Amino acid sequence: MRILYLLSREVIILVLAAILIASPIALYSMRKWLQNFAYRVGIHPLLFLMTMLIILSVALLSIGYRSVKVANINPAEAIKYE
């Protein structure tokens, strides 16, 4: 569990930083792009929240899978190949 915590903490910080940087850019770009259409569609903040949750869950699932896989290997086998 400690390995999972250490790896996921760093990844979550990086993913949140990427979301904070990309969200305003995406919102601005989407609003500019949608202005060109005859029928106006609003952008709901729930869209960004759901996207953020999906991105975080995919990141946590991938880190969790790799952490469990690494934690279950025998350290002697890893040293043997080096």
N, C-alpha and C. Protein backbone atom coordinates (compact mmCIF):
# COMPACT_ATOMS: atom_id res chain seq x y z
N MET A 1 0.82 -1.20 0.00
CA MET A 1 0.00 0.00 0.00
C MET A 1 0.87 1.27 0.00
N ARG A 2 2.03 1.17 0.63
CA ARG A 2 2.91 2.33 0.69
C ARG A 2 3.43 2.69 -0.72
N ILE A 3 3.76 1.67 -1.51
CA ILE A 3 4.22 1.90 -2.88
C ILE A 3 3.12 2.56 -3.69
N LEU A 4 1.91 2.06 -3.53
CA LEU A 4 0.78 2.63 -4.25
C LEU A 4 0.57 4.09 -3.87
N TYR A 5 0.68 4.39 -2.59
CA TYR A 5 0.52 5.76 -2.13
C TYR A 5 1.60 6.67 -2.70
N LEU A 6 2.85 6.22 -2.65
CA LEU A 6 3.94 7.07 -3.14
C LEU A 6 3.84 7.34 -4.64
N LEU A 7 3.53 6.31 -5.40
CA LEU A 7 3.42 6.49 -6.85
C LEU A 7 2.18 7.30 -7.23
N SER A 8 1.07 7.02 -6.60
CA SER A 8 -0.16 7.70 -6.99
C SER A 8 -0.16 9.16 -6.56
N ARG A 9 0.50 9.49 -5.46
CA ARG A 9 0.55 10.88 -5.01
C ARG A 9 1.22 11.76 -6.07
N GLU A 10 2.34 11.32 -6.59
CA GLU A 10 3.04 12.10 -7.60
C GLU A 10 2.24 12.21 -8.89
N VAL A 11 1.64 11.11 -9.29
CA VAL A 11 0.87 11.11 -10.53
C VAL A 11 -0.37 11.99 -10.39
N ILE A 12 -1.03 11.92 -9.25
CA ILE A 12 -2.22 12.75 -9.05
C ILE A 12 -1.86 14.23 -9.09
N ILE A 13 -0.75 14.60 -8.50
CA ILE A 13 -0.32 16.00 -8.53
C ILE A 13 -0.05 16.44 -9.97
N LEU A 14 0.61 15.60 -10.74
CA LEU A 14 0.90 15.95 -12.14
C LEU A 14 -0.37 16.01 -12.98
N VAL A 15 -1.27 15.08 -12.76
CA VAL A 15 -2.53 15.08 -13.52
C VAL A 15 -3.37 16.30 -13.17
N LEU A 16 -3.45 16.64 -11.89
CA LEU A 16 -4.20 17.83 -11.49
C LEU A 16 -3.58 19.11 -12.06
N ALA A 17 -2.26 19.17 -12.08
CA ALA A 17 -1.59 20.33 -12.67
C ALA A 17 -1.91 20.43 -14.16
N ALA A 18 -1.88 19.30 -14.84
CA ALA A 18 -2.20 19.29 -16.27
C ALA A 18 -3.65 19.71 -16.51
N ILE A 19 -4.55 19.26 -15.65
CA ILE A 19 -5.96 19.64 -15.79
C ILE A 19 -6.14 21.13 -15.56
N LEU A 20 -5.46 21.66 -14.54
CA LEU A 20 -5.59 23.09 -14.24
C LEU A 20 -5.03 23.96 -15.37
N ILE A 21 -4.01 23.47 -16.05
CA ILE A 21 -3.45 24.22 -17.16
C ILE A 21 -4.31 24.08 -18.41
N ALA A 22 -4.80 22.87 -18.67
CA ALA A 22 -5.51 22.61 -19.92
C ALA A 22 -6.97 23.05 -19.90
N SER A 23 -7.61 23.08 -18.75
CA SER A 23 -9.04 23.40 -18.69
C SER A 23 -9.36 24.81 -19.19
N PRO A 24 -8.67 25.85 -18.74
CA PRO A 24 -8.99 27.19 -19.27
C PRO A 24 -8.72 27.31 -20.77
N ILE A 25 -7.66 26.66 -21.23
CA ILE A 25 -7.35 26.69 -22.65
C ILE A 25 -8.44 25.99 -23.45
N ALA A 26 -8.88 24.83 -22.97
CA ALA A 26 -9.93 24.09 -23.65
C ALA A 26 -11.25 24.84 -23.62
N LEU A 27 -11.57 25.46 -22.48
CA LEU A 27 -12.81 26.23 -22.38
C LEU A 27 -12.81 27.40 -23.35
N TYR A 28 -11.72 28.12 -23.41
CA TYR A 28 -11.61 29.25 -24.34
C TYR A 28 -11.72 28.78 -25.79
N SER A 29 -11.00 27.71 -26.12
CA SER A 29 -11.02 27.20 -27.49
C SER A 29 -12.41 26.70 -27.88
N MET A 30 -13.07 26.02 -26.96
CA MET A 30 -14.41 25.49 -27.26
C MET A 30 -15.41 26.62 -27.45
N ARG A 31 -15.32 27.65 -26.63
CA ARG A 31 -16.24 28.79 -26.79
C ARG A 31 -16.02 29.50 -28.12
N LYS A 32 -14.75 29.69 -28.49
CA LYS A 32 -14.45 30.34 -29.78
C LYS A 32 -14.96 29.49 -30.94
N TRP A 33 -14.77 28.18 -30.86
CA TRP A 33 -15.17 27.29 -31.93
C TRP A 33 -16.69 27.23 -32.05
N LEU A 34 -17.39 27.20 -30.90
CA LEU A 34 -18.84 27.10 -30.92
C LEU A 34 -19.52 28.39 -31.35
N GLN A 35 -18.81 29.51 -31.34
CA GLN A 35 -19.39 30.77 -31.79
C GLN A 35 -19.64 30.79 -33.29
N ASN A 36 -18.98 29.92 -34.02
CA ASN A 36 -19.12 29.89 -35.47
C ASN A 36 -20.38 29.19 -35.95
N PHE A 37 -21.10 28.54 -35.06
CA PHE A 37 -22.29 27.80 -35.45
C PHE A 37 -23.54 28.65 -35.31
N ALA A 38 -24.54 28.34 -36.12
CA ALA A 38 -25.79 29.10 -36.09
C ALA A 38 -26.56 28.84 -34.79
N TYR A 39 -26.58 27.61 -34.34
CA TYR A 39 -27.28 27.27 -33.10
C TYR A 39 -26.28 27.27 -31.95
N ARG A 40 -26.57 28.03 -30.93
CA ARG A 40 -25.66 28.18 -29.80
C ARG A 40 -25.87 27.05 -28.79
N VAL A 41 -24.76 26.53 -28.29
CA VAL A 41 -24.78 25.49 -27.27
C VAL A 41 -23.87 25.96 -26.15
N GLY A 42 -24.38 25.87 -24.93
CA GLY A 42 -23.58 26.28 -23.78
C GLY A 42 -22.68 25.15 -23.31
N ILE A 43 -21.60 25.53 -22.67
CA ILE A 43 -20.67 24.55 -22.11
C ILE A 43 -20.91 24.50 -20.61
N HIS A 44 -21.33 23.36 -20.13
CA HIS A 44 -21.65 23.21 -18.72
C HIS A 44 -20.39 22.82 -17.94
N PRO A 45 -20.18 23.38 -16.75
CA PRO A 45 -19.00 23.03 -15.95
C PRO A 45 -18.97 21.56 -15.54
N LEU A 46 -20.13 20.91 -15.54
CA LEU A 46 -20.18 19.49 -15.20
C LEU A 46 -19.39 18.66 -16.22
N LEU A 47 -19.33 19.13 -17.44
CA LEU A 47 -18.55 18.46 -18.48
C LEU A 47 -17.08 18.39 -18.08
N PHE A 48 -16.54 19.49 -17.58
CA PHE A 48 -15.14 19.50 -17.16
C PHE A 48 -14.93 18.66 -15.90
N LEU A 49 -15.88 18.68 -14.99
CA LEU A 49 -15.77 17.87 -13.78
C LEU A 49 -15.78 16.38 -14.11
N MET A 50 -16.67 15.97 -14.99
CA MET A 50 -16.73 14.56 -15.37
C MET A 50 -15.46 14.14 -16.11
N THR A 51 -14.96 15.00 -16.96
CA THR A 51 -13.72 14.71 -17.67
C THR A 51 -12.56 14.57 -16.70
N MET A 52 -12.50 15.45 -15.71
CA MET A 52 -11.44 15.38 -14.71
C MET A 52 -11.53 14.07 -13.92
N LEU A 53 -12.73 13.66 -13.55
CA LEU A 53 -12.88 12.41 -12.81
C LEU A 53 -12.49 11.19 -13.66
N ILE A 54 -12.82 11.23 -14.92
CA ILE A 54 -12.45 10.11 -15.81
C ILE A 54 -10.93 10.05 -15.96
N ILE A 55 -10.29 11.19 -16.15
CA ILE A 55 -8.83 11.22 -16.30
C ILE A 55 -8.15 10.73 -15.02
N LEU A 56 -8.62 11.18 -13.87
CA LEU A 56 -8.04 10.74 -12.60
C LEU A 56 -8.25 9.25 -12.37
N SER A 57 -9.43 8.73 -12.72
CA SER A 57 -9.67 7.31 -12.52
C SER A 57 -8.81 6.45 -13.44
N VAL A 58 -8.62 6.88 -14.68
CA VAL A 58 -7.74 6.12 -15.59
C VAL A 58 -6.30 6.15 -15.08
N ALA A 59 -5.86 7.30 -14.60
CA ALA A 59 -4.50 7.39 -14.07
C ALA A 59 -4.33 6.52 -12.84
N LEU A 60 -5.30 6.54 -11.93
CA LEU A 60 -5.21 5.72 -10.73
C LEU A 60 -5.29 4.23 -11.04
N LEU A 61 -6.13 3.87 -11.99
CA LEU A 61 -6.22 2.45 -12.37
C LEU A 61 -4.91 1.95 -12.98
N SER A 62 -4.31 2.75 -13.83
CA SER A 62 -3.06 2.31 -14.45
C SER A 62 -1.93 2.25 -13.42
N ILE A 63 -1.85 3.23 -12.53
CA ILE A 63 -0.82 3.20 -11.48
C ILE A 63 -1.08 2.06 -10.51
N GLY A 64 -2.33 1.84 -10.17
CA GLY A 64 -2.66 0.73 -9.28
C GLY A 64 -2.31 -0.62 -9.86
N TYR A 65 -2.59 -0.80 -11.14
CA TYR A 65 -2.27 -2.07 -11.80
C TYR A 65 -0.76 -2.32 -11.80
N ARG A 66 0.00 -1.31 -12.20
CA ARG A 66 1.46 -1.48 -12.23
C ARG A 66 2.04 -1.64 -10.84
N SER A 67 1.50 -0.95 -9.85
CA SER A 67 2.02 -1.06 -8.48
C SER A 67 1.77 -2.44 -7.90
N VAL A 68 0.59 -2.96 -8.13
CA VAL A 68 0.28 -4.30 -7.63
C VAL A 68 1.15 -5.34 -8.34
N LYS A 69 1.36 -5.16 -9.62
CA LYS A 69 2.20 -6.07 -10.38
C LYS A 69 3.64 -6.05 -9.88
N VAL A 70 4.17 -4.87 -9.61
CA VAL A 70 5.55 -4.73 -9.12
C VAL A 70 5.67 -5.23 -7.69
N ALA A 71 4.66 -4.98 -6.88
CA ALA A 71 4.72 -5.37 -5.48
C ALA A 71 4.66 -6.88 -5.31
N ASN A 72 4.09 -7.59 -6.26
CA ASN A 72 3.94 -9.03 -6.14
C ASN A 72 5.09 -9.83 -6.73
N ILE A 73 6.06 -9.20 -7.37
CA ILE A 73 7.18 -9.96 -7.91
C ILE A 73 8.18 -10.25 -6.81
N ASN A 74 8.93 -11.28 -7.02
CA ASN A 74 9.95 -11.69 -6.07
C ASN A 74 11.20 -10.83 -6.29
N PRO A 75 11.70 -10.16 -5.26
CA PRO A 75 12.88 -9.29 -5.44
C PRO A 75 14.12 -10.07 -5.91
N ALA A 76 14.22 -11.33 -5.56
CA ALA A 76 15.36 -12.14 -5.98
C ALA A 76 15.38 -12.31 -7.50
N GLU A 77 14.20 -12.43 -8.10
CA GLU A 77 14.13 -12.58 -9.55
C GLU A 77 14.54 -11.27 -10.25
N ALA A 78 14.19 -10.16 -9.68
CA ALA A 78 14.55 -8.87 -10.28
C ALA A 78 16.06 -8.66 -10.21
N ILE A 79 16.68 -9.06 -9.12
CA ILE A 79 18.13 -8.90 -8.98
C ILE A 79 18.86 -9.89 -9.87
N LYS A 80 18.30 -11.06 -10.07
CA LYS A 80 18.95 -12.10 -10.88
C LYS A 80 19.18 -11.63 -12.32
N TYR A 81 18.27 -10.83 -12.86
CA TYR A 81 18.39 -10.38 -14.24
C TYR A 81 19.30 -9.17 -14.40
N GLU A 82 19.78 -8.61 -13.34
CA GLU A 82 20.63 -7.43 -13.45
C GLU A 82 22.07 -7.76 -13.43
